[in-house]
Amino acid sequence: MAAGYYEYSPLLFETAGLTWDGPNVHELQQQVFPDFHHHTDLVESGRFVDFLPTAAADAFSVRGTAAEVAAQLVDVLSLGVTFDIVVMQPVPNPPPPGGSIPDFMERMAREVLPAVRARLA
């Protein structure tokens, strides 16, 4: 996700106190289609940007178990910033091959959002 944000707006990295210490992002783009987080092989896509620190992922995404995602959302929502819309985009997109994964929106509604509401009440 972080590489995708850098790809479209490098200033976002600067604002987050991050640096891009890897190859030119536009040269990397030529090797990853259609972009870093929609590539059909996310492991391969990740290898292109494995120079990025974990802090880059944390700055541009919420990730982890349902409880971890809920805690991260509570942290962000507790900052006092007003959000009109929060769009939760599932990654990997496309979904991983070879198995059924629970519907993303269903899991958000069942496992994450009730925990967020309870902690913010």
Protein backbone atom coordinates (compact mmCIF):
# COMPACT_ATOMS: atom_id res chain seq x y z
CA MET A 1 0.00 0.00 0.00
CA ALA A 2 2.77 2.42 0.94
CA ALA A 3 4.46 1.98 -2.43
CA GLY A 4 1.19 2.75 -4.16
CA TYR A 5 0.82 5.97 -2.21
CA TYR A 6 4.40 6.96 -3.00
CA GLU A 7 3.81 6.13 -6.65
CA TYR A 8 0.98 8.66 -6.88
CA SER A 9 2.06 11.27 -4.32
CA PRO A 10 5.64 11.19 -2.98
CA LEU A 11 4.82 14.14 -0.70
CA LEU A 12 2.78 11.76 1.47
CA PHE A 13 6.00 9.98 2.46
CA GLU A 14 7.63 13.26 3.44
CA THR A 15 4.59 14.23 5.51
CA ALA A 16 4.79 10.89 7.34
CA GLY A 17 8.53 11.33 7.97
CA LEU A 18 9.46 8.51 5.60
CA THR A 19 12.00 8.32 2.80
CA TRP A 20 12.05 6.25 -0.36
CA ASP A 21 15.49 4.63 -0.27
CA GLY A 22 15.01 2.26 -3.17
CA PRO A 23 15.04 2.30 -6.95
CA ASN A 24 13.17 4.94 -8.89
CA VAL A 25 9.47 4.22 -8.37
CA HIS A 26 8.68 4.77 -12.05
CA GLU A 27 11.27 2.16 -13.06
CA LEU A 28 9.71 -0.29 -10.59
CA GLN A 29 6.27 0.47 -12.02
CA GLN A 30 7.39 -1.01 -15.31
CA GLN A 31 7.88 -4.38 -13.58
CA VAL A 32 4.67 -4.52 -11.53
CA PHE A 33 1.27 -4.54 -13.26
CA PRO A 34 -1.14 -2.92 -12.77
CA ASP A 35 0.37 -1.51 -9.56
CA PHE A 36 1.97 -2.66 -6.32
CA HIS A 37 -1.15 -3.77 -4.43
CA HIS A 38 -3.21 -5.13 -7.33
CA HIS A 39 -0.44 -7.23 -8.88
CA THR A 40 -1.52 -10.87 -9.32
CA ASP A 41 1.48 -12.08 -7.28
CA LEU A 42 1.68 -9.94 -4.15
CA VAL A 43 4.75 -11.78 -2.87
CA GLU A 44 6.61 -10.84 -6.05
CA SER A 45 5.27 -7.30 -5.83
CA GLY A 46 6.44 -7.07 -2.23
CA ARG A 47 9.96 -8.15 -3.16
CA PHE A 48 10.29 -5.06 -5.32
CA VAL A 49 9.69 -2.84 -2.30
CA ASP A 50 11.16 -4.91 0.53
CA PHE A 51 13.51 -2.01 1.28
CA LEU A 52 10.57 -0.14 2.82
CA PRO A 53 10.40 -0.25 6.62
CA THR A 54 7.40 -1.61 8.51
CA ALA A 55 6.71 2.02 9.48
CA ALA A 56 5.75 2.68 5.85
CA ALA A 57 3.08 -0.03 5.96
CA ASP A 58 1.84 1.26 9.30
CA ALA A 59 1.60 4.84 8.01
CA PHE A 60 -0.66 3.94 5.09
CA SER A 61 -2.76 0.99 6.20
CA VAL A 62 -4.39 -0.87 9.02
CA ARG A 63 -3.49 -4.52 9.14
CA GLY A 64 -3.58 -7.58 11.34
CA THR A 65 -6.26 -9.55 13.11
CA ALA A 66 -9.75 -8.16 13.56
CA ALA A 67 -8.82 -7.03 17.08
CA GLU A 68 -5.63 -5.36 15.82
CA VAL A 69 -7.48 -3.59 13.01
CA ALA A 70 -10.14 -2.40 15.46
CA ALA A 71 -7.47 -1.05 17.81
CA GLN A 72 -5.74 0.80 14.97
CA LEU A 73 -9.03 2.33 13.84
CA VAL A 74 -9.82 3.43 17.40
CA ASP A 75 -6.37 5.05 17.65
CA VAL A 76 -6.95 7.01 14.44
CA LEU A 77 -10.52 7.98 15.31
CA SER A 78 -9.39 9.13 18.77
CA LEU A 79 -7.10 11.79 17.26
CA GLY A 80 -10.01 14.21 16.95
CA VAL A 81 -9.88 14.40 13.16
CA THR A 82 -13.29 14.39 11.49
CA PHE A 83 -13.67 11.83 8.72
CA ASP A 84 -16.59 11.97 6.30
CA ILE A 85 -15.88 8.54 4.86
CA VAL A 86 -13.45 5.76 5.67
CA VAL A 87 -13.05 3.28 2.82
CA MET A 88 -11.83 -0.12 3.86
CA GLN A 89 -10.12 -1.71 0.89
CA PRO A 90 -9.29 -5.38 1.18
CA VAL A 91 -5.81 -6.43 0.29
CA PRO A 92 -4.92 -8.74 -1.27
CA ASN A 93 -6.88 -7.67 -4.26
CA PRO A 94 -7.15 -9.97 -6.17
CA PRO A 95 -7.83 -12.46 -3.39
CA PRO A 96 -5.28 -15.20 -2.77
CA PRO A 97 -5.78 -18.34 -4.87
CA GLY A 98 -6.81 -21.74 -3.61
CA GLY A 99 -9.28 -21.28 -0.85
CA SER A 100 -12.30 -19.56 0.40
CA ILE A 101 -11.74 -16.53 2.51
CA PRO A 102 -14.53 -14.96 4.54
CA ASP A 103 -16.19 -12.05 2.81
CA PHE A 104 -14.24 -8.92 3.71
CA MET A 105 -17.24 -6.67 4.27
CA GLU A 106 -18.96 -9.34 6.33
CA ARG A 107 -15.91 -9.71 8.58
CA MET A 108 -15.63 -5.94 9.00
CA ALA A 109 -19.30 -5.72 10.00
CA ARG A 110 -19.18 -8.74 12.29
CA GLU A 111 -15.71 -8.59 13.87
CA VAL A 112 -14.21 -5.11 13.56
CA LEU A 113 -16.87 -2.40 13.61
CA PRO A 114 -18.68 -3.62 16.76
CA ALA A 115 -15.36 -3.58 18.61
CA VAL A 116 -14.63 -0.06 17.36
CA ARG A 117 -18.09 1.18 18.38
CA ALA A 118 -17.80 -0.41 21.83
CA ARG A 119 -14.39 1.14 22.50
CA LEU A 120 -15.50 4.59 21.33
CA ALA A 121 -18.79 4.54 23.30
